[in-house]
Amino acid sequence: MNKVVEIQELGQKDYKATWDYQETIFKSIVDLKIKNRRENTTLATPNYLLFVEHPHVYTLGKSGDMSNLLLDEQQLTAKGATFYKINRGGDITYHGPGQIVGYPILDLENFFTDIHKYLRLLEEMIILTLAEYGLKSERSPGETGVWLDVGTPFARKICAMGVRASRWVTMHGFALNVNADLGYFDNIIPCGIRGKAVTTLNVELGMKHVDEAQVKEKLLKHFKALFEAEYI
């Protein structure tokens, strides 16, 4: 089992270009696993964690409802945003500047073969990171992602999640709102859930700007501990 994870900082990168890049890495890992089974070899499969920030974009998961996008094509263009239907689970979400997006492309056979556990550990990574900023966040029953004030009229989502897995290889991941422009969430019914708000770390802390590099350091620390991983 190879628990080494290669961290890649992609900076600001177009959503479609990043999706294509994920697919290339994903396919190379799956192909290696197929080769190992076919040829009875034991070549180590690599693992990656990509960090990226996207220009304004809305993405709709394979189980999503188009009616949750409240903009037409002209309005999308006017807002400088793009839209893609994609192959992850979940409904509609927004990505944009001020948001830390993480795409773990892992061979879970290097760690554990349990998608439910995988999602819960990603959520735990976010929960532990936010706790370092004095925020009590938690899971919301029946809804993926990380929330504040669950079970109250003030429930609000701070981190969205949507993953795909095949042959125990993962792609897509999480989007943590750090300094994101919340106005862009007004154009969708986030994750298809009506009547619940979205928030960001800087709003919760009453700060104009939170250091995103520092947030990533904390995320990586908790990812490493939870997945018992090593980094390159």
Protein backbone atom coordinates (compact mmCIF):
# COMPACT_ATOMS: atom_id res chain seq x y z
CA MET A 1 0.00 0.00 0.00
CA ASN A 2 1.32 3.40 -1.03
CA LYS A 3 0.21 6.14 1.36
CA VAL A 4 2.35 8.85 -0.19
CA VAL A 5 0.24 11.73 -1.57
CA GLU A 6 1.62 14.21 -4.08
CA ILE A 7 0.35 17.73 -3.33
CA GLN A 8 -0.09 19.93 -6.39
CA GLU A 9 -0.84 23.65 -6.24
CA LEU A 10 -2.56 24.59 -9.50
CA GLY A 11 -3.22 28.24 -8.63
CA GLN A 12 -6.20 29.80 -10.44
CA LYS A 13 -7.23 27.45 -13.23
CA ASP A 14 -10.22 27.12 -15.54
CA TYR A 15 -12.75 24.53 -14.33
CA LYS A 16 -12.87 22.51 -17.54
CA ALA A 17 -9.07 22.44 -17.87
CA THR A 18 -8.81 21.23 -14.27
CA TRP A 19 -11.53 18.62 -14.80
CA ASP A 20 -9.69 17.31 -17.87
CA TYR A 21 -6.46 17.18 -15.84
CA GLN A 22 -8.22 15.24 -13.07
CA GLU A 23 -9.61 12.81 -15.64
CA THR A 24 -6.13 12.21 -17.07
CA ILE A 25 -4.67 11.41 -13.64
CA PHE A 26 -7.72 9.34 -12.68
CA LYS A 27 -7.49 7.26 -15.89
CA SER A 28 -3.75 6.67 -15.44
CA ILE A 29 -4.32 5.24 -11.94
CA VAL A 30 -7.25 3.08 -13.06
CA ASP A 31 -5.23 1.82 -16.05
CA LEU A 32 -2.35 0.87 -13.75
CA LYS A 33 -4.73 -1.06 -11.49
CA ILE A 34 -6.13 -2.91 -14.50
CA LYS A 35 -2.58 -3.70 -15.66
CA ASN A 36 -1.68 -5.03 -12.20
CA ARG A 37 -4.69 -7.35 -12.19
CA ARG A 38 -4.24 -8.48 -15.77
CA GLU A 39 -0.49 -9.13 -15.48
CA ASN A 40 -0.48 -10.16 -11.82
CA THR A 41 1.95 -7.35 -10.96
CA THR A 42 2.08 -5.14 -7.87
CA LEU A 43 3.16 -1.76 -9.20
CA ALA A 44 2.39 0.97 -6.65
CA THR A 45 -0.49 3.28 -7.56
CA PRO A 46 0.12 7.01 -6.94
CA ASN A 47 -2.13 9.39 -4.96
CA TYR A 48 -2.64 13.12 -5.50
CA LEU A 49 -4.26 16.07 -3.78
CA LEU A 50 -4.82 19.04 -6.10
CA PHE A 51 -5.47 22.51 -4.70
CA VAL A 52 -7.02 25.01 -7.09
CA GLU A 53 -9.03 28.21 -7.27
CA HIS A 54 -11.53 28.49 -10.13
CA PRO A 55 -12.87 31.54 -11.94
CA HIS A 56 -16.65 31.91 -11.35
CA VAL A 57 -18.34 28.65 -12.36
CA TYR A 58 -21.47 26.64 -11.54
CA THR A 59 -21.36 22.84 -11.73
CA LEU A 60 -24.27 20.40 -11.67
CA GLY A 61 -23.78 16.82 -10.47
CA LYS A 62 -25.24 13.83 -12.30
CA SER A 63 -28.21 13.62 -9.90
CA GLY A 64 -28.79 17.39 -10.01
CA ASP A 65 -31.81 19.37 -11.18
CA MET A 66 -31.28 22.07 -13.84
CA SER A 67 -34.03 24.17 -12.23
CA ASN A 68 -31.63 24.83 -9.32
CA LEU A 69 -29.65 27.13 -11.64
CA LEU A 70 -31.52 30.44 -11.56
CA LEU A 71 -29.67 32.08 -14.47
CA ASP A 72 -30.00 31.75 -18.23
CA GLU A 73 -27.05 31.77 -20.62
CA GLN A 74 -27.05 35.56 -21.07
CA GLN A 75 -27.15 36.17 -17.33
CA LEU A 76 -24.27 33.75 -16.80
CA THR A 77 -22.20 35.66 -19.34
CA ALA A 78 -23.10 38.98 -17.69
CA LYS A 79 -21.82 37.65 -14.37
CA GLY A 80 -18.60 36.35 -15.93
CA ALA A 81 -19.52 32.79 -14.98
CA THR A 82 -19.56 29.46 -16.79
CA PHE A 83 -21.67 26.32 -16.27
CA TYR A 84 -20.89 22.59 -16.57
CA LYS A 85 -22.79 19.36 -16.06
CA ILE A 86 -20.30 16.97 -14.50
CA ASN A 87 -19.89 13.36 -13.34
CA ARG A 88 -19.68 13.76 -9.57
CA GLY A 89 -22.46 13.05 -7.09
CA GLY A 90 -24.61 15.82 -5.66
CA ASP A 91 -26.56 18.72 -7.12
CA ILE A 92 -25.48 22.25 -8.07
CA THR A 93 -22.67 24.23 -6.52
CA TYR A 94 -20.58 27.33 -7.15
CA HIS A 95 -16.80 27.71 -7.35
CA GLY A 96 -14.94 30.99 -7.52
CA PRO A 97 -12.18 33.22 -6.20
CA GLY A 98 -11.70 33.11 -2.44
CA GLN A 99 -12.66 29.45 -2.25
CA ILE A 100 -10.20 26.63 -1.52
CA VAL A 101 -11.05 23.70 -3.78
CA GLY A 102 -9.38 20.37 -3.09
CA TYR A 103 -9.43 17.37 -5.42
CA PRO A 104 -8.04 14.21 -3.79
CA ILE A 105 -7.31 11.64 -6.50
CA LEU A 106 -6.58 8.66 -4.31
CA ASP A 107 -6.47 4.92 -4.80
CA LEU A 108 -8.50 4.06 -1.72
CA GLU A 109 -7.06 0.54 -1.82
CA ASN A 110 -3.92 2.25 -0.48
CA PHE A 111 -5.93 3.46 2.53
CA PHE A 112 -9.30 1.71 3.08
CA THR A 113 -12.11 0.57 0.80
CA ASP A 114 -15.05 2.52 2.18
CA ILE A 115 -16.54 5.51 0.34
CA HIS A 116 -18.70 6.46 3.32
CA LYS A 117 -15.61 6.60 5.55
CA TYR A 118 -13.78 8.59 2.87
CA LEU A 119 -16.47 11.30 2.82
CA ARG A 120 -16.67 11.40 6.62
CA LEU A 121 -12.87 11.86 6.87
CA LEU A 122 -12.95 14.72 4.36
CA GLU A 123 -15.69 16.35 6.43
CA GLU A 124 -13.67 15.75 9.62
CA MET A 125 -10.65 17.45 8.02
CA ILE A 126 -12.78 20.58 7.47
CA ILE A 127 -14.36 20.41 10.94
CA LEU A 128 -10.95 20.17 12.64
CA THR A 129 -9.56 23.01 10.52
CA LEU A 130 -12.47 25.32 11.34
CA ALA A 131 -12.11 24.44 15.03
CA GLU A 132 -8.65 26.01 14.90
CA TYR A 133 -10.40 29.27 14.07
CA GLY A 134 -12.78 28.87 17.00
CA LEU A 135 -15.73 27.74 14.89
CA LYS A 136 -17.91 24.76 15.83
CA SER A 137 -18.93 23.12 12.58
CA GLU A 138 -20.60 19.77 12.03
CA ARG A 139 -22.32 17.39 9.65
CA SER A 140 -25.99 17.80 8.80
CA PRO A 141 -27.87 14.46 8.76
CA GLY A 142 -28.60 13.35 5.21
CA GLU A 143 -26.58 16.19 3.66
CA THR A 144 -22.91 16.00 2.72
CA GLY A 145 -20.55 18.84 3.46
CA VAL A 146 -19.89 20.89 6.58
CA TRP A 147 -22.34 23.22 8.28
CA LEU A 148 -22.69 25.69 11.14
CA ASP A 149 -25.66 25.84 13.55
CA VAL A 150 -27.20 22.60 12.29
CA GLY A 151 -30.78 22.07 13.43
CA THR A 152 -31.49 25.77 13.91
CA PRO A 153 -33.11 28.37 11.61
CA PHE A 154 -29.58 29.79 11.17
CA ALA A 155 -28.06 26.63 9.62
CA ARG A 156 -25.55 27.58 6.93
CA LYS A 157 -23.14 25.63 4.77
CA ILE A 158 -19.46 26.53 4.68
CA CYS A 159 -18.06 23.60 2.70
CA ALA A 160 -19.59 21.65 -0.18
CA MET A 161 -18.54 18.14 -1.22
CA GLY A 162 -19.12 15.92 -4.20
CA VAL A 163 -17.02 12.95 -5.27
CA ARG A 164 -16.82 10.27 -7.90
CA ALA A 165 -15.15 6.89 -7.44
CA SER A 166 -14.47 3.98 -9.76
CA ARG A 167 -12.34 0.90 -8.95
CA TRP A 168 -11.74 2.63 -5.59
CA VAL A 169 -10.08 5.64 -7.28
CA THR A 170 -11.56 9.02 -6.29
CA MET A 171 -11.89 12.37 -8.02
CA HIS A 172 -13.66 15.72 -7.47
CA GLY A 173 -13.72 16.68 -3.78
CA PHE A 174 -14.45 19.66 -1.53
CA ALA A 175 -14.91 23.42 -1.79
CA LEU A 176 -14.33 25.44 1.37
CA ASN A 177 -15.60 29.03 1.36
CA VAL A 178 -12.83 31.17 2.83
CA ASN A 179 -13.13 34.61 1.23
CA ALA A 180 -15.71 33.80 -1.47
CA ASP A 181 -18.26 36.33 -2.78
CA LEU A 182 -21.54 35.03 -1.33
CA GLY A 183 -23.56 36.98 -3.89
CA TYR A 184 -22.85 34.29 -6.47
CA PHE A 185 -24.73 31.73 -4.37
CA ASP A 186 -27.91 33.79 -4.82
CA ASN A 187 -28.05 32.56 -8.42
CA ILE A 188 -28.55 28.90 -7.47
CA ILE A 189 -30.37 26.73 -4.96
CA PRO A 190 -27.09 25.44 -3.45
CA CYS A 191 -26.93 21.64 -3.49
CA GLY A 192 -30.66 21.71 -4.26
CA ILE A 193 -31.45 22.59 -0.63
CA ARG A 194 -34.00 25.39 -0.22
CA GLY A 195 -34.13 27.72 2.74
CA LYS A 196 -30.58 27.21 4.01
CA ALA A 197 -27.88 29.82 3.81
CA VAL A 198 -24.25 29.64 2.73
CA THR A 199 -21.39 31.32 4.57
CA THR A 200 -17.63 31.91 4.40
CA LEU A 201 -14.83 31.76 6.93
CA ASN A 202 -14.05 35.46 6.72
CA VAL A 203 -17.72 36.40 7.34
CA GLU A 204 -17.92 34.07 10.35
CA LEU A 205 -14.73 35.55 11.80
CA GLY A 206 -15.77 39.14 11.03
CA MET A 207 -12.61 39.63 8.96
CA LYS A 208 -12.12 41.25 5.58
CA HIS A 209 -9.69 38.56 4.47
CA VAL A 210 -8.45 35.23 5.86
CA ASP A 211 -5.00 33.96 4.82
CA GLU A 212 -5.82 31.08 2.45
CA ALA A 213 -2.28 29.66 2.54
CA GLN A 214 -2.61 29.27 6.31
CA VAL A 215 -5.98 27.51 5.90
CA LYS A 216 -4.39 25.07 3.41
CA GLU A 217 -1.59 24.30 5.87
CA LYS A 218 -4.17 23.36 8.49
CA LEU A 219 -6.17 21.28 6.00
CA LEU A 220 -3.04 19.37 5.01
CA LYS A 221 -2.08 18.75 8.63
CA HIS A 222 -5.46 17.17 9.36
CA PHE A 223 -5.61 15.29 6.05
CA LYS A 224 -2.23 13.74 6.81
CA ALA A 225 -3.31 12.63 10.29
CA LEU A 226 -6.76 11.33 9.29
CA PHE A 227 -5.53 9.38 6.24
CA GLU A 228 -2.21 8.40 7.87
CA ALA A 229 -0.56 9.76 4.74
CA GLU A 230 2.84 11.10 3.82
CA TYR A 231 3.39 14.04 1.45
CA ILE A 232 5.62 14.87 -1.46
